[in-house]
Amino acid sequence: MIKKATDIEAVVKAEMLGGKGEVVFHHLADKEQLLDHARLFSILTLEKGCGIGYHTHTGEREFFYVLQGTPTVNDNGTEYVLHPGDSAMTEIGGGHSIENHAEETAKVLALIMLQ
């Protein structure tokens, strides 16, 4: 199956989990395609000042892979600035947030795997 970039719809979510501004999701697969193994496979776009608030993952883990920009990730209470090519994983029961403090737009590939 091929999915052209022009066919991937942008979904905008405001103030996600207490975060600031808007996060744009480009869902690369839908629920049926993920076959109950994952619940999200998307590219997240964060403009300056935008992000997803701190939250925990129960029964799932989340992976981030930075495609563009330098987002700040809070990983279980410790903040890290990530760069293109860096990745982060939030373990089952762990918590995290992500925010873009930089001028450049940040793009992050996100995958949430179910337990």
Protein backbone atom coordinates (compact mmCIF):
# COMPACT_ATOMS: atom_id res chain seq x y z
CA MET A 1 0.00 0.00 0.00
CA ILE A 2 1.25 3.45 -0.91
CA LYS A 3 0.15 6.62 0.84
CA LYS A 4 1.15 9.81 -0.98
CA ALA A 5 2.11 12.86 1.09
CA THR A 6 -0.71 14.79 -0.57
CA ASP A 7 -3.22 12.25 0.81
CA ILE A 8 -2.12 12.58 4.45
CA GLU A 9 -4.50 14.92 6.23
CA ALA A 10 -3.29 17.40 8.85
CA VAL A 11 -5.10 17.13 12.20
CA VAL A 12 -4.64 20.10 14.54
CA LYS A 13 -4.96 19.60 18.30
CA ALA A 14 -4.89 22.57 20.67
CA GLU A 15 -3.45 22.59 24.20
CA MET A 16 -2.86 18.84 24.25
CA LEU A 17 -2.66 17.42 27.76
CA GLY A 18 -2.15 20.90 29.16
CA GLY A 19 0.46 21.85 26.57
CA LYS A 20 0.75 25.21 24.87
CA GLY A 21 -0.52 26.17 21.44
CA GLU A 22 -1.29 23.71 18.69
CA VAL A 23 0.31 20.48 17.54
CA VAL A 24 -0.26 19.35 13.95
CA PHE A 25 -0.51 15.58 13.45
CA HIS A 26 0.06 13.88 10.11
CA HIS A 27 -1.14 10.33 10.79
CA LEU A 28 0.90 7.88 8.71
CA ALA A 29 -1.35 4.94 9.58
CA ASP A 30 -4.85 4.58 10.97
CA LYS A 31 -6.07 2.33 13.79
CA GLU A 32 -6.94 -0.57 11.48
CA GLN A 33 -3.50 -0.52 9.86
CA LEU A 34 -1.76 -0.61 13.25
CA LEU A 35 -3.48 -3.95 14.06
CA ASP A 36 -3.80 -3.36 17.81
CA HIS A 37 0.01 -3.29 18.12
CA ALA A 38 0.20 0.50 18.25
CA ARG A 39 -2.18 3.40 18.66
CA LEU A 40 -0.22 6.18 16.95
CA PHE A 41 2.25 6.46 14.09
CA SER A 42 2.45 10.13 13.12
CA ILE A 43 4.61 13.11 12.34
CA LEU A 44 4.09 15.88 14.89
CA THR A 45 4.75 19.48 13.87
CA LEU A 46 5.42 21.97 16.65
CA GLU A 47 5.85 25.67 15.97
CA LYS A 48 7.75 27.86 18.45
CA GLY A 49 6.07 27.80 21.89
CA CYS A 50 3.86 24.81 21.10
CA GLY A 51 3.90 21.38 22.70
CA ILE A 52 2.23 18.50 24.49
CA GLY A 53 1.97 18.69 28.30
CA TYR A 54 3.50 16.23 30.74
CA HIS A 55 1.67 12.91 30.91
CA THR A 56 2.32 9.25 31.73
CA HIS A 57 1.91 6.16 29.58
CA THR A 58 0.13 3.18 31.09
CA GLY A 59 0.28 -0.07 29.13
CA GLU A 60 2.20 1.52 26.28
CA ARG A 61 5.54 3.13 25.40
CA GLU A 62 6.18 6.07 23.11
CA PHE A 63 9.09 6.72 20.79
CA PHE A 64 10.10 10.10 19.36
CA TYR A 65 12.53 10.52 16.47
CA VAL A 66 13.47 14.11 15.63
CA LEU A 67 13.26 14.91 11.92
CA GLN A 68 13.71 18.69 12.13
CA GLY A 69 14.35 21.35 14.75
CA THR A 70 15.40 21.13 18.39
CA PRO A 71 12.42 20.25 20.62
CA THR A 72 12.79 19.98 24.40
CA VAL A 73 11.62 16.69 25.92
CA ASN A 74 10.93 16.26 29.62
CA ASP A 75 11.75 12.61 30.27
CA ASN A 76 10.54 11.61 33.76
CA GLY A 77 11.44 15.02 35.19
CA THR A 78 14.70 15.66 33.32
CA GLU A 79 14.73 18.00 30.31
CA TYR A 80 16.76 17.30 27.18
CA VAL A 81 17.12 19.32 23.98
CA LEU A 82 16.99 16.91 21.05
CA HIS A 83 18.40 17.43 17.55
CA PRO A 84 17.64 15.86 14.16
CA GLY A 85 18.51 12.17 14.33
CA ASP A 86 18.04 11.98 18.12
CA SER A 87 15.39 9.73 19.62
CA ALA A 88 13.65 9.34 22.97
CA MET A 89 11.63 6.48 24.42
CA THR A 90 9.13 6.73 27.27
CA GLU A 91 8.83 3.37 29.01
CA ILE A 92 5.58 1.83 30.22
CA GLY A 93 4.60 3.79 33.33
CA GLY A 94 6.99 6.64 32.47
CA GLY A 95 6.09 10.24 31.83
CA HIS A 96 7.13 12.90 29.36
CA SER A 97 6.28 16.11 27.55
CA ILE A 98 7.58 17.83 24.44
CA GLU A 99 7.77 21.51 23.57
CA ASN A 100 9.46 23.62 20.92
CA HIS A 101 11.33 26.58 22.45
CA ALA A 102 13.34 27.26 19.27
CA GLU A 103 12.57 29.58 16.37
CA GLU A 104 12.69 26.75 13.82
CA THR A 105 9.66 24.49 13.42
CA ALA A 106 10.19 21.05 15.00
CA LYS A 107 9.01 17.85 13.32
CA VAL A 108 9.02 14.59 15.25
CA LEU A 109 8.09 11.08 14.19
CA ALA A 110 6.01 9.57 17.03
CA LEU A 111 5.10 5.93 17.58
CA ILE A 112 3.03 4.68 20.52
CA MET A 113 3.33 0.89 20.94
CA LEU A 114 0.82 -1.04 23.01
CA GLN A 115 1.90 -3.54 25.65
